[in-house]
Amino acid sequence: TKYNIPTGRGNPDVSAQGTRFSVVVNGAAEPVDGTSASCPAFNGIIALLNEARLAAGKTSLGPLNQLLYKKAGPQGALNDITIGDNGVKSIPTAKGWDPITGFGTPDFQKLKAIVLALP
């Protein structure tokens, strides 16, 4: 896309569901939206990937940039979001990496296969 940064990393790298999460605060469920929902969700997926690696006798992943930009994104382990925009400046999503959704949402099984194939 015209927003692609071939010599560096983008922002955002990835996306995750970010609406209608239910969290418990002081014993009561409350709805949460935005990065307060999507960041912990994506981090939970990374924790599960690390757990799979450790169970296979491998080390944890560490920094994710190389994994995302050289393996997961190009190999389709993230679900590309191609419809919509950011609703603020009308920057559209696009095929491949874009500045609204990054490479897209995680496909756990595909990511797991990639990270278990790494040394």
C-alpha atoms as a PDB file:
ATOM      1  CA  THR A   1       0.000   0.000   0.000  1.00  0.00           C
ATOM      2  CA  LYS A   2       1.051   3.621  -0.187  1.00  0.00           C
ATOM      3  CA  TYR A   3       1.444   3.491   3.605  1.00  0.00           C
ATOM      4  CA  ASN A   4       3.899   0.597   3.526  1.00  0.00           C
ATOM      5  CA  ILE A   5       7.248   1.296   5.194  1.00  0.00           C
ATOM      6  CA  PRO A   6       9.705  -1.085   3.470  1.00  0.00           C
ATOM      7  CA  THR A   7      12.703  -0.132   5.619  1.00  0.00           C
ATOM      8  CA  GLY A   8      11.077  -0.189   9.047  1.00  0.00           C
ATOM      9  CA  ARG A   9       8.173  -1.396  11.117  1.00  0.00           C
ATOM     10  CA  GLY A  10       4.666  -0.093  10.894  1.00  0.00           C
ATOM     11  CA  ASN A  11       2.296   1.046  13.526  1.00  0.00           C
ATOM     12  CA  PRO A  12       0.134  -0.891  14.189  1.00  0.00           C
ATOM     13  CA  ASP A  13       1.794  -4.241  13.591  1.00  0.00           C
ATOM     14  CA  VAL A  14      -1.361  -6.301  14.124  1.00  0.00           C
ATOM     15  CA  SER A  15      -5.028  -6.098  15.098  1.00  0.00           C
ATOM     16  CA  ALA A  16      -7.393  -7.925  17.409  1.00  0.00           C
ATOM     17  CA  GLN A  17     -11.062  -7.760  18.277  1.00  0.00           C
ATOM     18  CA  GLY A  18     -11.542  -4.635  20.365  1.00  0.00           C
ATOM     19  CA  THR A  19     -15.264  -4.273  21.081  1.00  0.00           C
ATOM     20  CA  ARG A  20     -17.718  -5.788  23.520  1.00  0.00           C
ATOM     21  CA  PHE A  21     -15.214  -7.379  25.864  1.00  0.00           C
ATOM     22  CA  SER A  22     -16.573  -8.080  29.299  1.00  0.00           C
ATOM     23  CA  VAL A  23     -14.285  -7.513  32.277  1.00  0.00           C
ATOM     24  CA  VAL A  24     -15.003  -7.817  35.966  1.00  0.00           C
ATOM     25  CA  VAL A  25     -14.412  -4.666  38.000  1.00  0.00           C
ATOM     26  CA  ASN A  26     -15.208  -4.754  41.727  1.00  0.00           C
ATOM     27  CA  GLY A  27     -17.240  -7.908  41.213  1.00  0.00           C
ATOM     28  CA  ALA A  28     -19.383  -6.553  38.379  1.00  0.00           C
ATOM     29  CA  ALA A  29     -19.051  -7.174  34.636  1.00  0.00           C
ATOM     30  CA  GLU A  30     -18.452  -4.054  32.564  1.00  0.00           C
ATOM     31  CA  PRO A  31     -18.049  -3.630  28.801  1.00  0.00           C
ATOM     32  CA  VAL A  32     -14.621  -2.596  27.506  1.00  0.00           C
ATOM     33  CA  ASP A  33     -13.705  -1.436  24.012  1.00  0.00           C
ATOM     34  CA  GLY A  34     -10.565  -0.346  22.167  1.00  0.00           C
ATOM     35  CA  THR A  35      -6.959  -1.133  22.881  1.00  0.00           C
ATOM     36  CA  SER A  36      -7.884  -1.864  26.510  1.00  0.00           C
ATOM     37  CA  ALA A  37      -9.533  -4.984  25.096  1.00  0.00           C
ATOM     38  CA  SER A  38      -7.488  -5.841  22.004  1.00  0.00           C
ATOM     39  CA  CYS A  39      -3.985  -5.543  23.488  1.00  0.00           C
ATOM     40  CA  PRO A  40      -4.569  -8.046  26.306  1.00  0.00           C
ATOM     41  CA  ALA A  41      -6.334 -10.382  23.842  1.00  0.00           C
ATOM     42  CA  PHE A  42      -3.380 -10.366  21.450  1.00  0.00           C
ATOM     43  CA  ASN A  43      -0.921 -10.705  24.331  1.00  0.00           C
ATOM     44  CA  GLY A  44      -2.853 -13.762  25.520  1.00  0.00           C
ATOM     45  CA  ILE A  45      -2.340 -15.367  22.110  1.00  0.00           C
ATOM     46  CA  ILE A  46       1.396 -14.672  22.313  1.00  0.00           C
ATOM     47  CA  ALA A  47       1.433 -16.237  25.800  1.00  0.00           C
ATOM     48  CA  LEU A  48      -0.174 -19.386  24.372  1.00  0.00           C
ATOM     49  CA  LEU A  49       2.423 -19.465  21.578  1.00  0.00           C
ATOM     50  CA  ASN A  50       5.209 -19.174  24.148  1.00  0.00           C
ATOM     51  CA  GLU A  51       3.599 -21.965  26.172  1.00  0.00           C
ATOM     52  CA  ALA A  52       3.602 -24.210  23.079  1.00  0.00           C
ATOM     53  CA  ARG A  53       7.271 -23.437  22.430  1.00  0.00           C
ATOM     54  CA  LEU A  54       8.259 -24.124  26.031  1.00  0.00           C
ATOM     55  CA  ALA A  55       6.325 -27.418  25.978  1.00  0.00           C
ATOM     56  CA  ALA A  56       8.335 -28.345  22.869  1.00  0.00           C
ATOM     57  CA  GLY A  57      11.612 -27.633  24.697  1.00  0.00           C
ATOM     58  CA  LYS A  58      12.205 -24.320  22.920  1.00  0.00           C
ATOM     59  CA  THR A  59      12.747 -20.808  24.241  1.00  0.00           C
ATOM     60  CA  SER A  60      10.094 -18.100  24.420  1.00  0.00           C
ATOM     61  CA  LEU A  61       9.678 -15.818  21.424  1.00  0.00           C
ATOM     62  CA  GLY A  62      11.199 -12.575  22.696  1.00  0.00           C
ATOM     63  CA  PRO A  63      10.789  -9.494  20.447  1.00  0.00           C
ATOM     64  CA  LEU A  64       8.147 -10.133  17.784  1.00  0.00           C
ATOM     65  CA  ASN A  65       9.073  -7.734  14.958  1.00  0.00           C
ATOM     66  CA  GLN A  66      11.097 -10.262  12.930  1.00  0.00           C
ATOM     67  CA  LEU A  67       8.413 -12.900  13.397  1.00  0.00           C
ATOM     68  CA  LEU A  68       5.633 -10.550  12.279  1.00  0.00           C
ATOM     69  CA  TYR A  69       7.353  -8.862   9.342  1.00  0.00           C
ATOM     70  CA  LYS A  70       9.397 -11.760   7.928  1.00  0.00           C
ATOM     71  CA  LYS A  71       7.219 -14.778   8.717  1.00  0.00           C
ATOM     72  CA  ALA A  72       3.677 -14.310  10.060  1.00  0.00           C
ATOM     73  CA  GLY A  73       2.580 -11.393   7.870  1.00  0.00           C
ATOM     74  CA  PRO A  74       4.026 -12.628   4.579  1.00  0.00           C
ATOM     75  CA  GLN A  75       2.999 -16.264   5.249  1.00  0.00           C
ATOM     76  CA  GLY A  76      -0.646 -15.352   5.958  1.00  0.00           C
ATOM     77  CA  ALA A  77      -0.713 -16.234   9.658  1.00  0.00           C
ATOM     78  CA  LEU A  78      -2.657 -13.040  10.267  1.00  0.00           C
ATOM     79  CA  ASN A  79      -6.147 -12.517   8.845  1.00  0.00           C
ATOM     80  CA  ASP A  80      -5.927  -9.539   6.504  1.00  0.00           C
ATOM     81  CA  ILE A  81      -8.632  -6.923   7.136  1.00  0.00           C
ATOM     82  CA  THR A  82      -9.541  -5.337   3.800  1.00  0.00           C
ATOM     83  CA  ILE A  83     -12.864  -3.608   4.442  1.00  0.00           C
ATOM     84  CA  GLY A  84     -13.358  -0.466   6.514  1.00  0.00           C
ATOM     85  CA  ASP A  85     -11.510   2.609   7.654  1.00  0.00           C
ATOM     86  CA  ASN A  86     -10.444   4.216  10.891  1.00  0.00           C
ATOM     87  CA  GLY A  87     -13.585   6.350  11.106  1.00  0.00           C
ATOM     88  CA  VAL A  88     -11.580   9.454  11.939  1.00  0.00           C
ATOM     89  CA  LYS A  89      -9.513  10.510   8.947  1.00  0.00           C
ATOM     90  CA  SER A  90     -11.093   7.947   6.625  1.00  0.00           C
ATOM     91  CA  ILE A  91      -7.809   6.129   6.074  1.00  0.00           C
ATOM     92  CA  PRO A  92      -8.926   2.869   4.448  1.00  0.00           C
ATOM     93  CA  THR A  93      -7.805  -0.654   5.129  1.00  0.00           C
ATOM     94  CA  ALA A  94      -5.970  -2.301   2.242  1.00  0.00           C
ATOM     95  CA  LYS A  95      -4.660  -5.671   1.079  1.00  0.00           C
ATOM     96  CA  GLY A  96      -1.537  -6.561   3.045  1.00  0.00           C
ATOM     97  CA  TRP A  97      -0.181  -4.316   5.761  1.00  0.00           C
ATOM     98  CA  ASP A  98      -2.066  -1.055   6.289  1.00  0.00           C
ATOM     99  CA  PRO A  99      -1.886   1.688   8.940  1.00  0.00           C
ATOM    100  CA  ILE A 100      -5.303   0.830  10.362  1.00  0.00           C
ATOM    101  CA  THR A 101      -5.064  -2.928  10.989  1.00  0.00           C
ATOM    102  CA  GLY A 102      -1.380  -3.712  10.466  1.00  0.00           C
ATOM    103  CA  PHE A 103      -1.120  -7.249   9.057  1.00  0.00           C
ATOM    104  CA  GLY A 104      -4.509  -8.180  10.560  1.00  0.00           C
ATOM    105  CA  THR A 105      -5.856 -10.421  13.295  1.00  0.00           C
ATOM    106  CA  PRO A 106      -4.040 -13.537  14.515  1.00  0.00           C
ATOM    107  CA  ASP A 107      -4.755 -17.024  13.213  1.00  0.00           C
ATOM    108  CA  PHE A 108      -3.588 -19.048  16.194  1.00  0.00           C
ATOM    109  CA  GLN A 109      -3.103 -22.390  14.435  1.00  0.00           C
ATOM    110  CA  LYS A 110      -1.028 -20.843  11.635  1.00  0.00           C
ATOM    111  CA  LEU A 111       1.036 -18.812  14.109  1.00  0.00           C
ATOM    112  CA  LYS A 112       1.602 -21.899  16.248  1.00  0.00           C
ATOM    113  CA  ALA A 113       2.892 -23.862  13.259  1.00  0.00           C
ATOM    114  CA  ILE A 114       5.293 -21.044  12.387  1.00  0.00           C
ATOM    115  CA  VAL A 115       6.663 -20.558  15.896  1.00  0.00           C
ATOM    116  CA  LEU A 116       7.096 -24.293  16.486  1.00  0.00           C
ATOM    117  CA  ALA A 117       9.112 -24.530  13.254  1.00  0.00           C
ATOM    118  CA  LEU A 118      11.525 -21.856  14.494  1.00  0.00           C
ATOM    119  CA  PRO A 119      14.711 -22.961  16.260  1.00  0.00           C
END
